Amino acid sequence: MDIRHCVSRAWQTYLNYTFESGSLTESGNTVRNWDLPRHMVRFGGDYTHKKFNEILDAQYVGARQKVDAATGKYGAEDSFFLVNLYLNYNLNQQAKIQLSIENLLNRKFYAGEAAKERSYTLGVKTYVPMNGVLTEHQQHRVMHSLVQPN
């Protein structure tokens, strides 16, 4: 399910929900695919003013559980809730500066391994005209995963 709402010319909101009940067929046996979370929700807001754009994005992913085929041990991955912030400033039609802060609330959870803590990325994305359309060319990251303050 995907719902989008334009609050004004500057503000947009969105909500996505996925229910997954996937299955795998191995050697003629069909079993539930426990690698997939049953519930996933993503929602947020997008604000644009002149050359500036901000996206506040929240995501929930449900827990996953299964028996490891190699060891026979039962394993699980936590459900988690993340908030991310993306700030963009368009320098011109061919380039924009981007600042991303992922895991804004610095949540700790296990998803196969301990998930990364809050991270910051500052980059420049450039576009080149191809067949009359501006197409993403390169993203140059100038900082990534700065040391976190206590």
C-alpha atoms as a PDB file:
ATOM      1  CA  MET A   1       0.000   0.000   0.000  1.00  0.00           C
ATOM      2  CA  ASP A   2       1.345   3.438  -0.889  1.00  0.00           C
ATOM      3  CA  ILE A   3      -0.336   6.692   0.128  1.00  0.00           C
ATOM      4  CA  ARG A   4       0.998  10.123  -0.820  1.00  0.00           C
ATOM      5  CA  HIS A   5      -0.492  13.467   0.095  1.00  0.00           C
ATOM      6  CA  CYS A   6       0.464  16.926  -1.116  1.00  0.00           C
ATOM      7  CA  VAL A   7      -0.200  19.214   1.856  1.00  0.00           C
ATOM      8  CA  SER A   8       0.954  22.302  -0.063  1.00  0.00           C
ATOM      9  CA  ARG A   9       3.349  23.142  -2.878  1.00  0.00           C
ATOM     10  CA  ALA A  10       6.209  22.885  -0.372  1.00  0.00           C
ATOM     11  CA  TRP A  11       5.059  19.931   1.803  1.00  0.00           C
ATOM     12  CA  GLN A  12       4.381  16.317   0.830  1.00  0.00           C
ATOM     13  CA  THR A  13       3.856  13.296   3.044  1.00  0.00           C
ATOM     14  CA  TYR A  14       3.917   9.568   2.344  1.00  0.00           C
ATOM     15  CA  LEU A  15       3.077   6.247   3.968  1.00  0.00           C
ATOM     16  CA  ASN A  16       3.989   2.790   2.649  1.00  0.00           C
ATOM     17  CA  TYR A  17       2.994  -0.536   4.203  1.00  0.00           C
ATOM     18  CA  THR A  18       4.053  -4.016   3.149  1.00  0.00           C
ATOM     19  CA  PHE A  19       2.728  -7.322   4.468  1.00  0.00           C
ATOM     20  CA  GLU A  20       4.924 -10.208   3.362  1.00  0.00           C
ATOM     21  CA  SER A  21       4.010 -13.861   3.651  1.00  0.00           C
ATOM     22  CA  GLY A  22       6.526 -15.206   1.155  1.00  0.00           C
ATOM     23  CA  SER A  23       7.436 -18.838   0.769  1.00  0.00           C
ATOM     24  CA  LEU A  24      10.300 -20.850  -0.696  1.00  0.00           C
ATOM     25  CA  THR A  25      10.105 -24.127  -2.564  1.00  0.00           C
ATOM     26  CA  GLU A  26      13.128 -26.344  -2.022  1.00  0.00           C
ATOM     27  CA  SER A  27      13.245 -29.976  -3.168  1.00  0.00           C
ATOM     28  CA  GLY A  28       9.487 -29.942  -3.705  1.00  0.00           C
ATOM     29  CA  ASN A  29       8.751 -28.633  -0.194  1.00  0.00           C
ATOM     30  CA  THR A  30       7.181 -25.207   0.226  1.00  0.00           C
ATOM     31  CA  VAL A  31       8.059 -23.452   3.466  1.00  0.00           C
ATOM     32  CA  ARG A  32       7.617 -19.945   4.860  1.00  0.00           C
ATOM     33  CA  ASN A  33      10.531 -17.634   3.999  1.00  0.00           C
ATOM     34  CA  TRP A  34      11.555 -16.464   7.465  1.00  0.00           C
ATOM     35  CA  ASP A  35      14.260 -14.179   6.048  1.00  0.00           C
ATOM     36  CA  LEU A  36      11.527 -11.693   5.125  1.00  0.00           C
ATOM     37  CA  PRO A  37       9.868  -9.580   7.803  1.00  0.00           C
ATOM     38  CA  ARG A  38       6.069  -9.864   7.794  1.00  0.00           C
ATOM     39  CA  HIS A  39       5.507  -6.150   8.377  1.00  0.00           C
ATOM     40  CA  MET A  40       7.322  -3.120   6.987  1.00  0.00           C
ATOM     41  CA  VAL A  41       6.169   0.494   7.307  1.00  0.00           C
ATOM     42  CA  ARG A  42       7.805   3.637   5.942  1.00  0.00           C
ATOM     43  CA  PHE A  43       6.473   7.170   6.379  1.00  0.00           C
ATOM     44  CA  GLY A  44       7.757  10.681   6.255  1.00  0.00           C
ATOM     45  CA  GLY A  45       7.612  14.189   4.968  1.00  0.00           C
ATOM     46  CA  ASP A  46       9.309  16.108   2.199  1.00  0.00           C
ATOM     47  CA  TYR A  47       9.737  19.887   2.305  1.00  0.00           C
ATOM     48  CA  THR A  48      11.017  21.916  -0.672  1.00  0.00           C
ATOM     49  CA  HIS A  49      11.695  25.661  -0.742  1.00  0.00           C
ATOM     50  CA  LYS A  50      13.523  27.184  -3.706  1.00  0.00           C
ATOM     51  CA  LYS A  51      16.891  25.382  -3.893  1.00  0.00           C
ATOM     52  CA  PHE A  52      16.535  23.598  -0.528  1.00  0.00           C
ATOM     53  CA  ASN A  53      14.914  20.166   0.054  1.00  0.00           C
ATOM     54  CA  GLU A  54      14.536  18.243   3.315  1.00  0.00           C
ATOM     55  CA  ILE A  55      13.224  14.700   3.804  1.00  0.00           C
ATOM     56  CA  LEU A  56      12.471  13.241   7.226  1.00  0.00           C
ATOM     57  CA  ASP A  57      11.961   9.508   6.797  1.00  0.00           C
ATOM     58  CA  ALA A  58      10.918   6.877   9.363  1.00  0.00           C
ATOM     59  CA  GLN A  59      11.010   3.122   8.816  1.00  0.00           C
ATOM     60  CA  TYR A  60       9.779   0.106  10.808  1.00  0.00           C
ATOM     61  CA  VAL A  61      10.873  -3.428   9.877  1.00  0.00           C
ATOM     62  CA  GLY A  62       9.395  -6.392  11.742  1.00  0.00           C
ATOM     63  CA  ALA A  63      11.392  -9.191  13.368  1.00  0.00           C
ATOM     64  CA  ARG A  64      12.597 -12.224  11.459  1.00  0.00           C
ATOM     65  CA  GLN A  65      13.234 -15.676  12.912  1.00  0.00           C
ATOM     66  CA  LYS A  66      14.403 -19.007  11.562  1.00  0.00           C
ATOM     67  CA  VAL A  67      16.536 -22.078  12.114  1.00  0.00           C
ATOM     68  CA  ASP A  68      19.990 -21.775  10.533  1.00  0.00           C
ATOM     69  CA  ALA A  69      20.329 -24.537   7.907  1.00  0.00           C
ATOM     70  CA  ALA A  70      24.075 -24.991   8.501  1.00  0.00           C
ATOM     71  CA  THR A  71      24.110 -25.114  12.333  1.00  0.00           C
ATOM     72  CA  GLY A  72      20.523 -26.065  13.163  1.00  0.00           C
ATOM     73  CA  LYS A  73      20.466 -23.249  15.732  1.00  0.00           C
ATOM     74  CA  TYR A  74      17.501 -20.961  16.057  1.00  0.00           C
ATOM     75  CA  GLY A  75      18.291 -17.361  15.183  1.00  0.00           C
ATOM     76  CA  ALA A  76      16.442 -14.092  15.130  1.00  0.00           C
ATOM     77  CA  GLU A  77      16.816 -10.570  13.863  1.00  0.00           C
ATOM     78  CA  ASP A  78      15.282  -7.745  15.844  1.00  0.00           C
ATOM     79  CA  SER A  79      12.489  -5.569  14.602  1.00  0.00           C
ATOM     80  CA  PHE A  80      13.704  -2.017  14.317  1.00  0.00           C
ATOM     81  CA  PHE A  81      12.550   1.554  13.902  1.00  0.00           C
ATOM     82  CA  LEU A  82      14.827   4.090  12.217  1.00  0.00           C
ATOM     83  CA  VAL A  83      14.583   7.793  11.514  1.00  0.00           C
ATOM     84  CA  ASN A  84      16.715   9.315   8.744  1.00  0.00           C
ATOM     85  CA  LEU A  85      17.198  12.939   7.692  1.00  0.00           C
ATOM     86  CA  TYR A  86      18.250  14.019   4.197  1.00  0.00           C
ATOM     87  CA  LEU A  87      19.102  17.631   3.346  1.00  0.00           C
ATOM     88  CA  ASN A  88      19.727  18.738  -0.247  1.00  0.00           C
ATOM     89  CA  TYR A  89      20.769  22.054  -1.721  1.00  0.00           C
ATOM     90  CA  ASN A  90      20.682  22.491  -5.503  1.00  0.00           C
ATOM     91  CA  LEU A  91      23.709  24.475  -6.623  1.00  0.00           C
ATOM     92  CA  ASN A  92      22.383  24.554 -10.201  1.00  0.00           C
ATOM     93  CA  GLN A  93      20.715  22.117 -12.645  1.00  0.00           C
ATOM     94  CA  GLN A  94      23.842  19.962 -12.839  1.00  0.00           C
ATOM     95  CA  ALA A  95      24.875  19.666  -9.170  1.00  0.00           C
ATOM     96  CA  LYS A  96      23.531  19.436  -5.644  1.00  0.00           C
ATOM     97  CA  ILE A  97      25.032  19.111  -2.181  1.00  0.00           C
ATOM     98  CA  GLN A  98      23.576  16.373   0.032  1.00  0.00           C
ATOM     99  CA  LEU A  99      23.826  15.776   3.773  1.00  0.00           C
ATOM    100  CA  SER A 100      22.418  12.493   5.092  1.00  0.00           C
ATOM    101  CA  ILE A 101      22.044  11.535   8.735  1.00  0.00           C
ATOM    102  CA  GLU A 102      21.007   7.912   8.969  1.00  0.00           C
ATOM    103  CA  ASN A 103      19.780   6.342  12.214  1.00  0.00           C
ATOM    104  CA  LEU A 104      19.173   9.849  13.571  1.00  0.00           C
ATOM    105  CA  LEU A 105      18.015   8.539  16.979  1.00  0.00           C
ATOM    106  CA  ASN A 106      21.071   6.224  17.166  1.00  0.00           C
ATOM    107  CA  ARG A 107      18.964   3.077  17.749  1.00  0.00           C
ATOM    108  CA  LYS A 108      20.810  -0.155  18.431  1.00  0.00           C
ATOM    109  CA  PHE A 109      19.477  -3.391  16.957  1.00  0.00           C
ATOM    110  CA  TYR A 110      20.589  -6.718  15.470  1.00  0.00           C
ATOM    111  CA  ALA A 111      19.983  -7.504  11.796  1.00  0.00           C
ATOM    112  CA  GLY A 112      22.315 -10.351  10.849  1.00  0.00           C
ATOM    113  CA  GLU A 113      24.950  -8.464  12.820  1.00  0.00           C
ATOM    114  CA  ALA A 114      24.933  -5.358  14.968  1.00  0.00           C
ATOM    115  CA  ALA A 115      23.577  -2.545  12.797  1.00  0.00           C
ATOM    116  CA  LYS A 116      25.586   0.601  12.287  1.00  0.00           C
ATOM    117  CA  GLU A 117      25.103   3.505  14.626  1.00  0.00           C
ATOM    118  CA  ARG A 118      24.205   7.025  13.544  1.00  0.00           C
ATOM    119  CA  SER A 119      26.190   8.020  10.461  1.00  0.00           C
ATOM    120  CA  TYR A 120      26.685  11.248   8.538  1.00  0.00           C
ATOM    121  CA  THR A 121      27.388  11.535   4.832  1.00  0.00           C
ATOM    122  CA  LEU A 122      28.129  14.740   2.960  1.00  0.00           C
ATOM    123  CA  GLY A 123      28.327  14.522  -0.793  1.00  0.00           C
ATOM    124  CA  VAL A 124      27.963  16.248  -4.119  1.00  0.00           C
ATOM    125  CA  LYS A 125      25.774  14.687  -6.793  1.00  0.00           C
ATOM    126  CA  THR A 126      26.291  15.765 -10.388  1.00  0.00           C
ATOM    127  CA  TYR A 127      24.053  15.349 -13.424  1.00  0.00           C
ATOM    128  CA  VAL A 128      24.900  15.325 -17.127  1.00  0.00           C
ATOM    129  CA  PRO A 129      22.560  15.758 -20.085  1.00  0.00           C
ATOM    130  CA  MET A 130      21.932  12.499 -21.981  1.00  0.00           C
ATOM    131  CA  ASN A 131      19.481  12.524 -24.888  1.00  0.00           C
ATOM    132  CA  GLY A 132      18.097  15.841 -23.666  1.00  0.00           C
ATOM    133  CA  VAL A 133      17.482  14.574 -20.105  1.00  0.00           C
ATOM    134  CA  LEU A 134      19.612  15.295 -17.026  1.00  0.00           C
ATOM    135  CA  THR A 135      20.845  11.953 -15.732  1.00  0.00           C
ATOM    136  CA  GLU A 136      22.624  11.229 -12.439  1.00  0.00           C
ATOM    137  CA  HIS A 137      26.320  11.073 -13.185  1.00  0.00           C
ATOM    138  CA  GLN A 138      28.344  10.673 -10.018  1.00  0.00           C
ATOM    139  CA  GLN A 139      28.096  11.076  -6.307  1.00  0.00           C
ATOM    140  CA  HIS A 140      31.259  12.223  -4.593  1.00  0.00           C
ATOM    141  CA  ARG A 141      31.265  11.502  -0.876  1.00  0.00           C
ATOM    142  CA  VAL A 142      33.534  13.782   1.053  1.00  0.00           C
ATOM    143  CA  MET A 143      32.729  12.545   4.572  1.00  0.00           C
ATOM    144  CA  HIS A 144      31.281   9.301   5.823  1.00  0.00           C
ATOM    145  CA  SER A 145      30.513   7.892   9.263  1.00  0.00           C
ATOM    146  CA  LEU A 146      32.069  10.575  11.414  1.00  0.00           C
ATOM    147  CA  VAL A 147      32.957   9.702  14.987  1.00  0.00           C
ATOM    148  CA  GLN A 148      29.863  10.009  17.150  1.00  0.00           C
ATOM    149  CA  PRO A 149      29.735  12.359  20.153  1.00  0.00           C
ATOM    150  CA  ASN A 150      28.913  10.648  23.467  1.00  0.00           C
END
